[in-house]
């Protein structure tokens, strides 16, 4: 497809990339709302806890009390 129809291939890849990004955001935020730690979320996404928090960043009120193990 990429050789015979490069524009169609690029559009398909762009749609896939947007869908994957939206899905990752939803999953990351739901994991956090289930009280999964930033460390575990980061590990699942192949990054550290700080990067996971920046990426999925909505924290729950009171969830950060008690540190990373909350």
Protein backbone atom coordinates (compact mmCIF):
# COMPACT_ATOMS: atom_id res chain seq x y z
CA UNK A 1 0.00 0.00 0.00
CA UNK A 2 2.79 2.45 0.82
CA UNK A 3 4.39 2.08 -2.62
CA UNK A 4 1.25 2.00 -4.72
CA UNK A 5 -0.84 4.47 -2.68
CA UNK A 6 1.43 6.52 -0.43
CA UNK A 7 -1.16 9.21 0.33
CA UNK A 8 -3.76 6.66 1.40
CA UNK A 9 -1.15 4.89 3.52
CA UNK A 10 -0.17 8.16 5.20
CA UNK A 11 -3.80 9.02 5.95
CA UNK A 12 -4.44 5.55 7.38
CA UNK A 13 -1.34 5.83 9.57
CA UNK A 14 -2.45 9.27 10.79
CA UNK A 15 -5.90 7.92 11.74
CA UNK A 16 -4.31 5.01 13.55
CA UNK A 17 -1.93 7.34 15.41
CA UNK A 18 -4.79 9.60 16.57
CA UNK A 19 -6.90 6.66 17.69
CA UNK A 20 -3.98 5.08 19.55
CA UNK A 21 -3.17 8.35 21.30
CA UNK A 22 -6.76 8.89 22.39
CA UNK A 23 -7.00 5.31 23.63
CA UNK A 24 -3.73 5.59 25.55
CA UNK A 25 -4.93 8.80 27.22
CA UNK A 26 -8.21 7.20 28.25
CA UNK A 27 -6.50 4.06 29.57
CA UNK A 28 -3.85 6.03 31.45
CA UNK A 29 -6.44 8.23 33.15
CA UNK A 30 -8.67 5.29 34.01
CA UNK A 31 -5.72 3.43 35.47
CA UNK A 32 -5.00 6.42 37.68
CA UNK A 33 -8.66 6.78 38.70
CA UNK A 34 -8.43 3.12 39.78
CA UNK A 35 -5.63 4.29 42.08
CA UNK A 36 -2.83 2.65 40.09
CA UNK A 37 0.42 4.41 40.98
CA UNK A 38 2.29 6.60 38.50
CA UNK A 39 5.14 4.11 38.74
CA UNK A 40 2.98 1.25 37.48
CA UNK A 41 1.33 3.38 34.80
CA UNK A 42 4.73 4.55 33.61
CA UNK A 43 6.05 1.02 33.54
CA UNK A 44 3.07 -0.10 31.44
CA UNK A 45 3.71 2.72 28.94
CA UNK A 46 7.48 2.31 28.92
CA UNK A 47 8.35 5.50 30.78
CA UNK A 48 9.02 6.70 34.30
CA UNK A 49 6.44 7.87 36.82
CA UNK A 50 7.16 11.56 36.21
CA UNK A 51 6.59 11.23 32.47
CA UNK A 52 3.41 9.21 33.08
CA UNK A 53 2.09 11.92 35.37
CA UNK A 54 2.85 14.61 32.78
CA UNK A 55 1.20 12.56 30.04
CA UNK A 56 -1.95 11.49 31.88
CA UNK A 57 -1.79 14.21 34.50
CA UNK A 58 -5.21 14.52 36.00
CA UNK A 59 -4.73 13.65 39.64
CA UNK A 60 -7.57 12.86 41.98
CA UNK A 61 -8.21 15.07 45.00
CA UNK A 62 -6.52 13.40 47.95
CA UNK A 63 -5.02 10.61 45.83
CA UNK A 64 -1.51 11.97 46.27
CA UNK A 65 -1.72 11.88 50.05
CA UNK A 66 0.61 9.29 51.39
CA UNK A 67 3.01 9.48 48.46
CA UNK A 68 3.36 7.16 45.50
CA UNK A 69 1.70 4.23 47.19
CA UNK A 70 -1.69 5.98 47.37
